[in-house]
PDBML (XML) file of the C-alpha atoms, coordinates in Angstrom:
<?xml version="1.0" encoding="UTF-8" ?>
<PDBx:datablock datablockName="MODEL"
   xmlns:PDBx="http://pdbml.pdb.org/schema/pdbx-v50.xsd"
   xmlns:xsi="http://www.w3.org/2001/XMLSchema-instance"
   xsi:schemaLocation="http://pdbml.pdb.org/schema/pdbx-v50.xsd pdbx-v50.xsd">
   <PDBx:atom_siteCategory>
      <PDBx:atom_site id="1">
         <PDBx:B_iso_or_equiv>0.00</PDBx:B_iso_or_equiv>
         <PDBx:Cartn_x>-11.315</PDBx:Cartn_x>
         <PDBx:Cartn_y>13.290</PDBx:Cartn_y>
         <PDBx:Cartn_z>-6.015</PDBx:Cartn_z>
         <PDBx:auth_asym_id>A</PDBx:auth_asym_id>
         <PDBx:auth_atom_id>CA</PDBx:auth_atom_id>
         <PDBx:auth_comp_id>GLU</PDBx:auth_comp_id>
         <PDBx:auth_seq_id>1</PDBx:auth_seq_id>
         <PDBx:group_PDB>ATOM</PDBx:group_PDB>
         <PDBx:label_alt_id xsi:nil="true" />
         <PDBx:label_asym_id>A</PDBx:label_asym_id>
         <PDBx:label_atom_id>CA</PDBx:label_atom_id>
         <PDBx:label_comp_id>GLU</PDBx:label_comp_id>
         <PDBx:label_entity_id>1</PDBx:label_entity_id>
         <PDBx:label_seq_id>1</PDBx:label_seq_id>
         <PDBx:occupancy>1.00</PDBx:occupancy>
         <PDBx:pdbx_PDB_model_num>1</PDBx:pdbx_PDB_model_num>
         <PDBx:type_symbol>C</PDBx:type_symbol>
      </PDBx:atom_site>
      <PDBx:atom_site id="2">
         <PDBx:B_iso_or_equiv>0.00</PDBx:B_iso_or_equiv>
         <PDBx:Cartn_x>-10.887</PDBx:Cartn_x>
         <PDBx:Cartn_y>9.600</PDBx:Cartn_y>
         <PDBx:Cartn_z>-4.720</PDBx:Cartn_z>
         <PDBx:auth_asym_id>A</PDBx:auth_asym_id>
         <PDBx:auth_atom_id>CA</PDBx:auth_atom_id>
         <PDBx:auth_comp_id>ASP</PDBx:auth_comp_id>
         <PDBx:auth_seq_id>2</PDBx:auth_seq_id>
         <PDBx:group_PDB>ATOM</PDBx:group_PDB>
         <PDBx:label_alt_id xsi:nil="true" />
         <PDBx:label_asym_id>A</PDBx:label_asym_id>
         <PDBx:label_atom_id>CA</PDBx:label_atom_id>
         <PDBx:label_comp_id>ASP</PDBx:label_comp_id>
         <PDBx:label_entity_id>1</PDBx:label_entity_id>
         <PDBx:label_seq_id>2</PDBx:label_seq_id>
         <PDBx:occupancy>1.00</PDBx:occupancy>
         <PDBx:pdbx_PDB_model_num>1</PDBx:pdbx_PDB_model_num>
         <PDBx:type_symbol>C</PDBx:type_symbol>
      </PDBx:atom_site>
      <PDBx:atom_site id="3">
         <PDBx:B_iso_or_equiv>0.00</PDBx:B_iso_or_equiv>
         <PDBx:Cartn_x>-11.214</PDBx:Cartn_x>
         <PDBx:Cartn_y>8.778</PDBx:Cartn_y>
         <PDBx:Cartn_z>-8.564</PDBx:Cartn_z>
         <PDBx:auth_asym_id>A</PDBx:auth_asym_id>
         <PDBx:auth_atom_id>CA</PDBx:auth_atom_id>
         <PDBx:auth_comp_id>THR</PDBx:auth_comp_id>
         <PDBx:auth_seq_id>3</PDBx:auth_seq_id>
         <PDBx:group_PDB>ATOM</PDBx:group_PDB>
         <PDBx:label_alt_id xsi:nil="true" />
         <PDBx:label_asym_id>A</PDBx:label_asym_id>
         <PDBx:label_atom_id>CA</PDBx:label_atom_id>
         <PDBx:label_comp_id>THR</PDBx:label_comp_id>
         <PDBx:label_entity_id>1</PDBx:label_entity_id>
         <PDBx:label_seq_id>3</PDBx:label_seq_id>
         <PDBx:occupancy>1.00</PDBx:occupancy>
         <PDBx:pdbx_PDB_model_num>1</PDBx:pdbx_PDB_model_num>
         <PDBx:type_symbol>C</PDBx:type_symbol>
      </PDBx:atom_site>
      <PDBx:atom_site id="4">
         <PDBx:B_iso_or_equiv>0.00</PDBx:B_iso_or_equiv>
         <PDBx:Cartn_x>-7.407</PDBx:Cartn_x>
         <PDBx:Cartn_y>6.561</PDBx:Cartn_y>
         <PDBx:Cartn_z>-9.298</PDBx:Cartn_z>
         <PDBx:auth_asym_id>A</PDBx:auth_asym_id>
         <PDBx:auth_atom_id>CA</PDBx:auth_atom_id>
         <PDBx:auth_comp_id>ALA</PDBx:auth_comp_id>
         <PDBx:auth_seq_id>4</PDBx:auth_seq_id>
         <PDBx:group_PDB>ATOM</PDBx:group_PDB>
         <PDBx:label_alt_id xsi:nil="true" />
         <PDBx:label_asym_id>A</PDBx:label_asym_id>
         <PDBx:label_atom_id>CA</PDBx:label_atom_id>
         <PDBx:label_comp_id>ALA</PDBx:label_comp_id>
         <PDBx:label_entity_id>1</PDBx:label_entity_id>
         <PDBx:label_seq_id>4</PDBx:label_seq_id>
         <PDBx:occupancy>1.00</PDBx:occupancy>
         <PDBx:pdbx_PDB_model_num>1</PDBx:pdbx_PDB_model_num>
         <PDBx:type_symbol>C</PDBx:type_symbol>
      </PDBx:atom_site>
      <PDBx:atom_site id="5">
         <PDBx:B_iso_or_equiv>0.00</PDBx:B_iso_or_equiv>
         <PDBx:Cartn_x>-7.257</PDBx:Cartn_x>
         <PDBx:Cartn_y>3.373</PDBx:Cartn_y>
         <PDBx:Cartn_z>-10.184</PDBx:Cartn_z>
         <PDBx:auth_asym_id>A</PDBx:auth_asym_id>
         <PDBx:auth_atom_id>CA</PDBx:auth_atom_id>
         <PDBx:auth_comp_id>VAL</PDBx:auth_comp_id>
         <PDBx:auth_seq_id>5</PDBx:auth_seq_id>
         <PDBx:group_PDB>ATOM</PDBx:group_PDB>
         <PDBx:label_alt_id xsi:nil="true" />
         <PDBx:label_asym_id>A</PDBx:label_asym_id>
         <PDBx:label_atom_id>CA</PDBx:label_atom_id>
         <PDBx:label_comp_id>VAL</PDBx:label_comp_id>
         <PDBx:label_entity_id>1</PDBx:label_entity_id>
         <PDBx:label_seq_id>5</PDBx:label_seq_id>
         <PDBx:occupancy>1.00</PDBx:occupancy>
         <PDBx:pdbx_PDB_model_num>1</PDBx:pdbx_PDB_model_num>
         <PDBx:type_symbol>C</PDBx:type_symbol>
      </PDBx:atom_site>
      <PDBx:atom_site id="6">
         <PDBx:B_iso_or_equiv>0.00</PDBx:B_iso_or_equiv>
         <PDBx:Cartn_x>-7.267</PDBx:Cartn_x>
         <PDBx:Cartn_y>1.416</PDBx:Cartn_y>
         <PDBx:Cartn_z>-6.694</PDBx:Cartn_z>
         <PDBx:auth_asym_id>A</PDBx:auth_asym_id>
         <PDBx:auth_atom_id>CA</PDBx:auth_atom_id>
         <PDBx:auth_comp_id>TYR</PDBx:auth_comp_id>
         <PDBx:auth_seq_id>6</PDBx:auth_seq_id>
         <PDBx:group_PDB>ATOM</PDBx:group_PDB>
         <PDBx:label_alt_id xsi:nil="true" />
         <PDBx:label_asym_id>A</PDBx:label_asym_id>
         <PDBx:label_atom_id>CA</PDBx:label_atom_id>
         <PDBx:label_comp_id>TYR</PDBx:label_comp_id>
         <PDBx:label_entity_id>1</PDBx:label_entity_id>
         <PDBx:label_seq_id>6</PDBx:label_seq_id>
         <PDBx:occupancy>1.00</PDBx:occupancy>
         <PDBx:pdbx_PDB_model_num>1</PDBx:pdbx_PDB_model_num>
         <PDBx:type_symbol>C</PDBx:type_symbol>
      </PDBx:atom_site>
      <PDBx:atom_site id="7">
         <PDBx:B_iso_or_equiv>0.00</PDBx:B_iso_or_equiv>
         <PDBx:Cartn_x>-4.693</PDBx:Cartn_x>
         <PDBx:Cartn_y>-1.402</PDBx:Cartn_y>
         <PDBx:Cartn_z>-6.096</PDBx:Cartn_z>
         <PDBx:auth_asym_id>A</PDBx:auth_asym_id>
         <PDBx:auth_atom_id>CA</PDBx:auth_atom_id>
         <PDBx:auth_comp_id>TYR</PDBx:auth_comp_id>
         <PDBx:auth_seq_id>7</PDBx:auth_seq_id>
         <PDBx:group_PDB>ATOM</PDBx:group_PDB>
         <PDBx:label_alt_id xsi:nil="true" />
         <PDBx:label_asym_id>A</PDBx:label_asym_id>
         <PDBx:label_atom_id>CA</PDBx:label_atom_id>
         <PDBx:label_comp_id>TYR</PDBx:label_comp_id>
         <PDBx:label_entity_id>1</PDBx:label_entity_id>
         <PDBx:label_seq_id>7</PDBx:label_seq_id>
         <PDBx:occupancy>1.00</PDBx:occupancy>
         <PDBx:pdbx_PDB_model_num>1</PDBx:pdbx_PDB_model_num>
         <PDBx:type_symbol>C</PDBx:type_symbol>
      </PDBx:atom_site>
      <PDBx:atom_site id="8">
         <PDBx:B_iso_or_equiv>0.00</PDBx:B_iso_or_equiv>
         <PDBx:Cartn_x>-5.201</PDBx:Cartn_x>
         <PDBx:Cartn_y>-4.187</PDBx:Cartn_y>
         <PDBx:Cartn_z>-3.449</PDBx:Cartn_z>
         <PDBx:auth_asym_id>A</PDBx:auth_asym_id>
         <PDBx:auth_atom_id>CA</PDBx:auth_atom_id>
         <PDBx:auth_comp_id>CYS</PDBx:auth_comp_id>
         <PDBx:auth_seq_id>8</PDBx:auth_seq_id>
         <PDBx:group_PDB>ATOM</PDBx:group_PDB>
         <PDBx:label_alt_id xsi:nil="true" />
         <PDBx:label_asym_id>A</PDBx:label_asym_id>
         <PDBx:label_atom_id>CA</PDBx:label_atom_id>
         <PDBx:label_comp_id>CYS</PDBx:label_comp_id>
         <PDBx:label_entity_id>1</PDBx:label_entity_id>
         <PDBx:label_seq_id>8</PDBx:label_seq_id>
         <PDBx:occupancy>1.00</PDBx:occupancy>
         <PDBx:pdbx_PDB_model_num>1</PDBx:pdbx_PDB_model_num>
         <PDBx:type_symbol>C</PDBx:type_symbol>
      </PDBx:atom_site>
      <PDBx:atom_site id="9">
         <PDBx:B_iso_or_equiv>0.00</PDBx:B_iso_or_equiv>
         <PDBx:Cartn_x>-1.587</PDBx:Cartn_x>
         <PDBx:Cartn_y>-5.062</PDBx:Cartn_y>
         <PDBx:Cartn_z>-0.790</PDBx:Cartn_z>
         <PDBx:auth_asym_id>A</PDBx:auth_asym_id>
         <PDBx:auth_atom_id>CA</PDBx:auth_atom_id>
         <PDBx:auth_comp_id>ALA</PDBx:auth_comp_id>
         <PDBx:auth_seq_id>9</PDBx:auth_seq_id>
         <PDBx:group_PDB>ATOM</PDBx:group_PDB>
         <PDBx:label_alt_id xsi:nil="true" />
         <PDBx:label_asym_id>A</PDBx:label_asym_id>
         <PDBx:label_atom_id>CA</PDBx:label_atom_id>
         <PDBx:label_comp_id>ALA</PDBx:label_comp_id>
         <PDBx:label_entity_id>1</PDBx:label_entity_id>
         <PDBx:label_seq_id>9</PDBx:label_seq_id>
         <PDBx:occupancy>1.00</PDBx:occupancy>
         <PDBx:pdbx_PDB_model_num>1</PDBx:pdbx_PDB_model_num>
         <PDBx:type_symbol>C</PDBx:type_symbol>
      </PDBx:atom_site>
      <PDBx:atom_site id="10">
         <PDBx:B_iso_or_equiv>0.00</PDBx:B_iso_or_equiv>
         <PDBx:Cartn_x>-0.371</PDBx:Cartn_x>
         <PDBx:Cartn_y>-7.405</PDBx:Cartn_y>
         <PDBx:Cartn_z>0.893</PDBx:Cartn_z>
         <PDBx:auth_asym_id>A</PDBx:auth_asym_id>
         <PDBx:auth_atom_id>CA</PDBx:auth_atom_id>
         <PDBx:auth_comp_id>ALA</PDBx:auth_comp_id>
         <PDBx:auth_seq_id>10</PDBx:auth_seq_id>
         <PDBx:group_PDB>ATOM</PDBx:group_PDB>
         <PDBx:label_alt_id xsi:nil="true" />
         <PDBx:label_asym_id>A</PDBx:label_asym_id>
         <PDBx:label_atom_id>CA</PDBx:label_atom_id>
         <PDBx:label_comp_id>ALA</PDBx:label_comp_id>
         <PDBx:label_entity_id>1</PDBx:label_entity_id>
         <PDBx:label_seq_id>10</PDBx:label_seq_id>
         <PDBx:occupancy>1.00</PDBx:occupancy>
         <PDBx:pdbx_PDB_model_num>1</PDBx:pdbx_PDB_model_num>
         <PDBx:type_symbol>C</PDBx:type_symbol>
      </PDBx:atom_site>
      <PDBx:atom_site id="11">
         <PDBx:B_iso_or_equiv>0.00</PDBx:B_iso_or_equiv>
         <PDBx:Cartn_x>2.663</PDBx:Cartn_x>
         <PDBx:Cartn_y>-7.481</PDBx:Cartn_y>
         <PDBx:Cartn_z>3.597</PDBx:Cartn_z>
         <PDBx:auth_asym_id>A</PDBx:auth_asym_id>
         <PDBx:auth_atom_id>CA</PDBx:auth_atom_id>
         <PDBx:auth_comp_id>ASP</PDBx:auth_comp_id>
         <PDBx:auth_seq_id>11</PDBx:auth_seq_id>
         <PDBx:group_PDB>ATOM</PDBx:group_PDB>
         <PDBx:label_alt_id xsi:nil="true" />
         <PDBx:label_asym_id>A</PDBx:label_asym_id>
         <PDBx:label_atom_id>CA</PDBx:label_atom_id>
         <PDBx:label_comp_id>ASP</PDBx:label_comp_id>
         <PDBx:label_entity_id>1</PDBx:label_entity_id>
         <PDBx:label_seq_id>11</PDBx:label_seq_id>
         <PDBx:occupancy>1.00</PDBx:occupancy>
         <PDBx:pdbx_PDB_model_num>1</PDBx:pdbx_PDB_model_num>
         <PDBx:type_symbol>C</PDBx:type_symbol>
      </PDBx:atom_site>
      <PDBx:atom_site id="12">
         <PDBx:B_iso_or_equiv>0.00</PDBx:B_iso_or_equiv>
         <PDBx:Cartn_x>3.162</PDBx:Cartn_x>
         <PDBx:Cartn_y>-9.048</PDBx:Cartn_y>
         <PDBx:Cartn_z>7.452</PDBx:Cartn_z>
         <PDBx:auth_asym_id>A</PDBx:auth_asym_id>
         <PDBx:auth_atom_id>CA</PDBx:auth_atom_id>
         <PDBx:auth_comp_id>ILE</PDBx:auth_comp_id>
         <PDBx:auth_seq_id>12</PDBx:auth_seq_id>
         <PDBx:group_PDB>ATOM</PDBx:group_PDB>
         <PDBx:label_alt_id xsi:nil="true" />
         <PDBx:label_asym_id>A</PDBx:label_asym_id>
         <PDBx:label_atom_id>CA</PDBx:label_atom_id>
         <PDBx:label_comp_id>ILE</PDBx:label_comp_id>
         <PDBx:label_entity_id>1</PDBx:label_entity_id>
         <PDBx:label_seq_id>12</PDBx:label_seq_id>
         <PDBx:occupancy>1.00</PDBx:occupancy>
         <PDBx:pdbx_PDB_model_num>1</PDBx:pdbx_PDB_model_num>
         <PDBx:type_symbol>C</PDBx:type_symbol>
      </PDBx:atom_site>
      <PDBx:atom_site id="13">
         <PDBx:B_iso_or_equiv>0.00</PDBx:B_iso_or_equiv>
         <PDBx:Cartn_x>4.204</PDBx:Cartn_x>
         <PDBx:Cartn_y>-5.689</PDBx:Cartn_y>
         <PDBx:Cartn_z>8.097</PDBx:Cartn_z>
         <PDBx:auth_asym_id>A</PDBx:auth_asym_id>
         <PDBx:auth_atom_id>CA</PDBx:auth_atom_id>
         <PDBx:auth_comp_id>ASN</PDBx:auth_comp_id>
         <PDBx:auth_seq_id>13</PDBx:auth_seq_id>
         <PDBx:group_PDB>ATOM</PDBx:group_PDB>
         <PDBx:label_alt_id xsi:nil="true" />
         <PDBx:label_asym_id>A</PDBx:label_asym_id>
         <PDBx:label_atom_id>CA</PDBx:label_atom_id>
         <PDBx:label_comp_id>ASN</PDBx:label_comp_id>
         <PDBx:label_entity_id>1</PDBx:label_entity_id>
         <PDBx:label_seq_id>13</PDBx:label_seq_id>
         <PDBx:occupancy>1.00</PDBx:occupancy>
         <PDBx:pdbx_PDB_model_num>1</PDBx:pdbx_PDB_model_num>
         <PDBx:type_symbol>C</PDBx:type_symbol>
      </PDBx:atom_site>
      <PDBx:atom_site id="14">
         <PDBx:B_iso_or_equiv>0.00</PDBx:B_iso_or_equiv>
         <PDBx:Cartn_x>2.108</PDBx:Cartn_x>
         <PDBx:Cartn_y>-3.691</PDBx:Cartn_y>
         <PDBx:Cartn_z>6.177</PDBx:Cartn_z>
         <PDBx:auth_asym_id>A</PDBx:auth_asym_id>
         <PDBx:auth_atom_id>CA</PDBx:auth_atom_id>
         <PDBx:auth_comp_id>LEU</PDBx:auth_comp_id>
         <PDBx:auth_seq_id>14</PDBx:auth_seq_id>
         <PDBx:group_PDB>ATOM</PDBx:group_PDB>
         <PDBx:label_alt_id xsi:nil="true" />
         <PDBx:label_asym_id>A</PDBx:label_asym_id>
         <PDBx:label_atom_id>CA</PDBx:label_atom_id>
         <PDBx:label_comp_id>LEU</PDBx:label_comp_id>
         <PDBx:label_entity_id>1</PDBx:label_entity_id>
         <PDBx:label_seq_id>14</PDBx:label_seq_id>
         <PDBx:occupancy>1.00</PDBx:occupancy>
         <PDBx:pdbx_PDB_model_num>1</PDBx:pdbx_PDB_model_num>
         <PDBx:type_symbol>C</PDBx:type_symbol>
      </PDBx:atom_site>
      <PDBx:atom_site id="15">
         <PDBx:B_iso_or_equiv>0.00</PDBx:B_iso_or_equiv>
         <PDBx:Cartn_x>0.825</PDBx:Cartn_x>
         <PDBx:Cartn_y>-0.803</PDBx:Cartn_y>
         <PDBx:Cartn_z>9.003</PDBx:Cartn_z>
         <PDBx:auth_asym_id>A</PDBx:auth_asym_id>
         <PDBx:auth_atom_id>CA</PDBx:auth_atom_id>
         <PDBx:auth_comp_id>TYR</PDBx:auth_comp_id>
         <PDBx:auth_seq_id>15</PDBx:auth_seq_id>
         <PDBx:group_PDB>ATOM</PDBx:group_PDB>
         <PDBx:label_alt_id xsi:nil="true" />
         <PDBx:label_asym_id>A</PDBx:label_asym_id>
         <PDBx:label_atom_id>CA</PDBx:label_atom_id>
         <PDBx:label_comp_id>TYR</PDBx:label_comp_id>
         <PDBx:label_entity_id>1</PDBx:label_entity_id>
         <PDBx:label_seq_id>15</PDBx:label_seq_id>
         <PDBx:occupancy>1.00</PDBx:occupancy>
         <PDBx:pdbx_PDB_model_num>1</PDBx:pdbx_PDB_model_num>
         <PDBx:type_symbol>C</PDBx:type_symbol>
      </PDBx:atom_site>
      <PDBx:atom_site id="16">
         <PDBx:B_iso_or_equiv>0.00</PDBx:B_iso_or_equiv>
         <PDBx:Cartn_x>4.443</PDBx:Cartn_x>
         <PDBx:Cartn_y>0.124</PDBx:Cartn_y>
         <PDBx:Cartn_z>8.892</PDBx:Cartn_z>
         <PDBx:auth_asym_id>A</PDBx:auth_asym_id>
         <PDBx:auth_atom_id>CA</PDBx:auth_atom_id>
         <PDBx:auth_comp_id>ASN</PDBx:auth_comp_id>
         <PDBx:auth_seq_id>16</PDBx:auth_seq_id>
         <PDBx:group_PDB>ATOM</PDBx:group_PDB>
         <PDBx:label_alt_id xsi:nil="true" />
         <PDBx:label_asym_id>A</PDBx:label_asym_id>
         <PDBx:label_atom_id>CA</PDBx:label_atom_id>
         <PDBx:label_comp_id>ASN</PDBx:label_comp_id>
         <PDBx:label_entity_id>1</PDBx:label_entity_id>
         <PDBx:label_seq_id>16</PDBx:label_seq_id>
         <PDBx:occupancy>1.00</PDBx:occupancy>
         <PDBx:pdbx_PDB_model_num>1</PDBx:pdbx_PDB_model_num>
         <PDBx:type_symbol>C</PDBx:type_symbol>
      </PDBx:atom_site>
      <PDBx:atom_site id="17">
         <PDBx:B_iso_or_equiv>0.00</PDBx:B_iso_or_equiv>
         <PDBx:Cartn_x>5.468</PDBx:Cartn_x>
         <PDBx:Cartn_y>0.452</PDBx:Cartn_y>
         <PDBx:Cartn_z>5.571</PDBx:Cartn_z>
         <PDBx:auth_asym_id>A</PDBx:auth_asym_id>
         <PDBx:auth_atom_id>CA</PDBx:auth_atom_id>
         <PDBx:auth_comp_id>ARG</PDBx:auth_comp_id>
         <PDBx:auth_seq_id>17</PDBx:auth_seq_id>
         <PDBx:group_PDB>ATOM</PDBx:group_PDB>
         <PDBx:label_alt_id xsi:nil="true" />
         <PDBx:label_asym_id>A</PDBx:label_asym_id>
         <PDBx:label_atom_id>CA</PDBx:label_atom_id>
         <PDBx:label_comp_id>ARG</PDBx:label_comp_id>
         <PDBx:label_entity_id>1</PDBx:label_entity_id>
         <PDBx:label_seq_id>17</PDBx:label_seq_id>
         <PDBx:occupancy>1.00</PDBx:occupancy>
         <PDBx:pdbx_PDB_model_num>1</PDBx:pdbx_PDB_model_num>
         <PDBx:type_symbol>C</PDBx:type_symbol>
      </PDBx:atom_site>
      <PDBx:atom_site id="18">
         <PDBx:B_iso_or_equiv>0.00</PDBx:B_iso_or_equiv>
         <PDBx:Cartn_x>2.412</PDBx:Cartn_x>
         <PDBx:Cartn_y>2.161</PDBx:Cartn_y>
         <PDBx:Cartn_z>4.789</PDBx:Cartn_z>
         <PDBx:auth_asym_id>A</PDBx:auth_asym_id>
         <PDBx:auth_atom_id>CA</PDBx:auth_atom_id>
         <PDBx:auth_comp_id>ARG</PDBx:auth_comp_id>
         <PDBx:auth_seq_id>18</PDBx:auth_seq_id>
         <PDBx:group_PDB>ATOM</PDBx:group_PDB>
         <PDBx:label_alt_id xsi:nil="true" />
         <PDBx:label_asym_id>A</PDBx:label_asym_id>
         <PDBx:label_atom_id>CA</PDBx:label_atom_id>
         <PDBx:label_comp_id>ARG</PDBx:label_comp_id>
         <PDBx:label_entity_id>1</PDBx:label_entity_id>
         <PDBx:label_seq_id>18</PDBx:label_seq_id>
         <PDBx:occupancy>1.00</PDBx:occupancy>
         <PDBx:pdbx_PDB_model_num>1</PDBx:pdbx_PDB_model_num>
         <PDBx:type_symbol>C</PDBx:type_symbol>
      </PDBx:atom_site>
      <PDBx:atom_site id="19">
         <PDBx:B_iso_or_equiv>0.00</PDBx:B_iso_or_equiv>
         <PDBx:Cartn_x>3.704</PDBx:Cartn_x>
         <PDBx:Cartn_y>5.585</PDBx:Cartn_y>
         <PDBx:Cartn_z>3.682</PDBx:Cartn_z>
         <PDBx:auth_asym_id>A</PDBx:auth_asym_id>
         <PDBx:auth_atom_id>CA</PDBx:auth_atom_id>
         <PDBx:auth_comp_id>TRP</PDBx:auth_comp_id>
         <PDBx:auth_seq_id>19</PDBx:auth_seq_id>
         <PDBx:group_PDB>ATOM</PDBx:group_PDB>
         <PDBx:label_alt_id xsi:nil="true" />
         <PDBx:label_asym_id>A</PDBx:label_asym_id>
         <PDBx:label_atom_id>CA</PDBx:label_atom_id>
         <PDBx:label_comp_id>TRP</PDBx:label_comp_id>
         <PDBx:label_entity_id>1</PDBx:label_entity_id>
         <PDBx:label_seq_id>19</PDBx:label_seq_id>
         <PDBx:occupancy>1.00</PDBx:occupancy>
         <PDBx:pdbx_PDB_model_num>1</PDBx:pdbx_PDB_model_num>
         <PDBx:type_symbol>C</PDBx:type_symbol>
      </PDBx:atom_site>
      <PDBx:atom_site id="20">
         <PDBx:B_iso_or_equiv>0.00</PDBx:B_iso_or_equiv>
         <PDBx:Cartn_x>6.342</PDBx:Cartn_x>
         <PDBx:Cartn_y>3.659</PDBx:Cartn_y>
         <PDBx:Cartn_z>1.881</PDBx:Cartn_z>
         <PDBx:auth_asym_id>A</PDBx:auth_asym_id>
         <PDBx:auth_atom_id>CA</PDBx:auth_atom_id>
         <PDBx:auth_comp_id>TYR</PDBx:auth_comp_id>
         <PDBx:auth_seq_id>20</PDBx:auth_seq_id>
         <PDBx:group_PDB>ATOM</PDBx:group_PDB>
         <PDBx:label_alt_id xsi:nil="true" />
         <PDBx:label_asym_id>A</PDBx:label_asym_id>
         <PDBx:label_atom_id>CA</PDBx:label_atom_id>
         <PDBx:label_comp_id>TYR</PDBx:label_comp_id>
         <PDBx:label_entity_id>1</PDBx:label_entity_id>
         <PDBx:label_seq_id>20</PDBx:label_seq_id>
         <PDBx:occupancy>1.00</PDBx:occupancy>
         <PDBx:pdbx_PDB_model_num>1</PDBx:pdbx_PDB_model_num>
         <PDBx:type_symbol>C</PDBx:type_symbol>
      </PDBx:atom_site>
      <PDBx:atom_site id="21">
         <PDBx:B_iso_or_equiv>0.00</PDBx:B_iso_or_equiv>
         <PDBx:Cartn_x>4.397</PDBx:Cartn_x>
         <PDBx:Cartn_y>1.945</PDBx:Cartn_y>
         <PDBx:Cartn_z>-1.348</PDBx:Cartn_z>
         <PDBx:auth_asym_id>A</PDBx:auth_asym_id>
         <PDBx:auth_atom_id>CA</PDBx:auth_atom_id>
         <PDBx:auth_comp_id>PRO</PDBx:auth_comp_id>
         <PDBx:auth_seq_id>21</PDBx:auth_seq_id>
         <PDBx:group_PDB>ATOM</PDBx:group_PDB>
         <PDBx:label_alt_id xsi:nil="true" />
         <PDBx:label_asym_id>A</PDBx:label_asym_id>
         <PDBx:label_atom_id>CA</PDBx:label_atom_id>
         <PDBx:label_comp_id>PRO</PDBx:label_comp_id>
         <PDBx:label_entity_id>1</PDBx:label_entity_id>
         <PDBx:label_seq_id>21</PDBx:label_seq_id>
         <PDBx:occupancy>1.00</PDBx:occupancy>
         <PDBx:pdbx_PDB_model_num>1</PDBx:pdbx_PDB_model_num>
         <PDBx:type_symbol>C</PDBx:type_symbol>
      </PDBx:atom_site>
      <PDBx:atom_site id="22">
         <PDBx:B_iso_or_equiv>0.00</PDBx:B_iso_or_equiv>
         <PDBx:Cartn_x>7.300</PDBx:Cartn_x>
         <PDBx:Cartn_y>0.515</PDBx:Cartn_y>
         <PDBx:Cartn_z>-2.785</PDBx:Cartn_z>
         <PDBx:auth_asym_id>A</PDBx:auth_asym_id>
         <PDBx:auth_atom_id>CA</PDBx:auth_atom_id>
         <PDBx:auth_comp_id>ALA</PDBx:auth_comp_id>
         <PDBx:auth_seq_id>22</PDBx:auth_seq_id>
         <PDBx:group_PDB>ATOM</PDBx:group_PDB>
         <PDBx:label_alt_id xsi:nil="true" />
         <PDBx:label_asym_id>A</PDBx:label_asym_id>
         <PDBx:label_atom_id>CA</PDBx:label_atom_id>
         <PDBx:label_comp_id>ALA</PDBx:label_comp_id>
         <PDBx:label_entity_id>1</PDBx:label_entity_id>
         <PDBx:label_seq_id>22</PDBx:label_seq_id>
         <PDBx:occupancy>1.00</PDBx:occupancy>
         <PDBx:pdbx_PDB_model_num>1</PDBx:pdbx_PDB_model_num>
         <PDBx:type_symbol>C</PDBx:type_symbol>
      </PDBx:atom_site>
      <PDBx:atom_site id="23">
         <PDBx:B_iso_or_equiv>0.00</PDBx:B_iso_or_equiv>
         <PDBx:Cartn_x>8.551</PDBx:Cartn_x>
         <PDBx:Cartn_y>-1.561</PDBx:Cartn_y>
         <PDBx:Cartn_z>-0.045</PDBx:Cartn_z>
         <PDBx:auth_asym_id>A</PDBx:auth_asym_id>
         <PDBx:auth_atom_id>CA</PDBx:auth_atom_id>
         <PDBx:auth_comp_id>SER</PDBx:auth_comp_id>
         <PDBx:auth_seq_id>23</PDBx:auth_seq_id>
         <PDBx:group_PDB>ATOM</PDBx:group_PDB>
         <PDBx:label_alt_id xsi:nil="true" />
         <PDBx:label_asym_id>A</PDBx:label_asym_id>
         <PDBx:label_atom_id>CA</PDBx:label_atom_id>
         <PDBx:label_comp_id>SER</PDBx:label_comp_id>
         <PDBx:label_entity_id>1</PDBx:label_entity_id>
         <PDBx:label_seq_id>23</PDBx:label_seq_id>
         <PDBx:occupancy>1.00</PDBx:occupancy>
         <PDBx:pdbx_PDB_model_num>1</PDBx:pdbx_PDB_model_num>
         <PDBx:type_symbol>C</PDBx:type_symbol>
      </PDBx:atom_site>
      <PDBx:atom_site id="24">
         <PDBx:B_iso_or_equiv>0.00</PDBx:B_iso_or_equiv>
         <PDBx:Cartn_x>5.639</PDBx:Cartn_x>
         <PDBx:Cartn_y>-3.670</PDBx:Cartn_y>
         <PDBx:Cartn_z>0.541</PDBx:Cartn_z>
         <PDBx:auth_asym_id>A</PDBx:auth_asym_id>
         <PDBx:auth_atom_id>CA</PDBx:auth_atom_id>
         <PDBx:auth_comp_id>LEU</PDBx:auth_comp_id>
         <PDBx:auth_seq_id>24</PDBx:auth_seq_id>
         <PDBx:group_PDB>ATOM</PDBx:group_PDB>
         <PDBx:label_alt_id xsi:nil="true" />
         <PDBx:label_asym_id>A</PDBx:label_asym_id>
         <PDBx:label_atom_id>CA</PDBx:label_atom_id>
         <PDBx:label_comp_id>LEU</PDBx:label_comp_id>
         <PDBx:label_entity_id>1</PDBx:label_entity_id>
         <PDBx:label_seq_id>24</PDBx:label_seq_id>
         <PDBx:occupancy>1.00</PDBx:occupancy>
         <PDBx:pdbx_PDB_model_num>1</PDBx:pdbx_PDB_model_num>
         <PDBx:type_symbol>C</PDBx:type_symbol>
      </PDBx:atom_site>
      <PDBx:atom_site id="25">
         <PDBx:B_iso_or_equiv>0.00</PDBx:B_iso_or_equiv>
         <PDBx:Cartn_x>5.984</PDBx:Cartn_x>
         <PDBx:Cartn_y>-7.459</PDBx:Cartn_y>
         <PDBx:Cartn_z>-0.584</PDBx:Cartn_z>
         <PDBx:auth_asym_id>A</PDBx:auth_asym_id>
         <PDBx:auth_atom_id>CA</PDBx:auth_atom_id>
         <PDBx:auth_comp_id>GLY</PDBx:auth_comp_id>
         <PDBx:auth_seq_id>25</PDBx:auth_seq_id>
         <PDBx:group_PDB>ATOM</PDBx:group_PDB>
         <PDBx:label_alt_id xsi:nil="true" />
         <PDBx:label_asym_id>A</PDBx:label_asym_id>
         <PDBx:label_atom_id>CA</PDBx:label_atom_id>
         <PDBx:label_comp_id>GLY</PDBx:label_comp_id>
         <PDBx:label_entity_id>1</PDBx:label_entity_id>
         <PDBx:label_seq_id>25</PDBx:label_seq_id>
         <PDBx:occupancy>1.00</PDBx:occupancy>
         <PDBx:pdbx_PDB_model_num>1</PDBx:pdbx_PDB_model_num>
         <PDBx:type_symbol>C</PDBx:type_symbol>
      </PDBx:atom_site>
   </PDBx:atom_siteCategory>
</PDBx:datablock>
């Protein structure tokens, strides 16, 4: 069930936006 494409992301406020991936920079 871990099978997936894994993406790295960066954002000044990533933790607070972690449930909203579309908002990340």
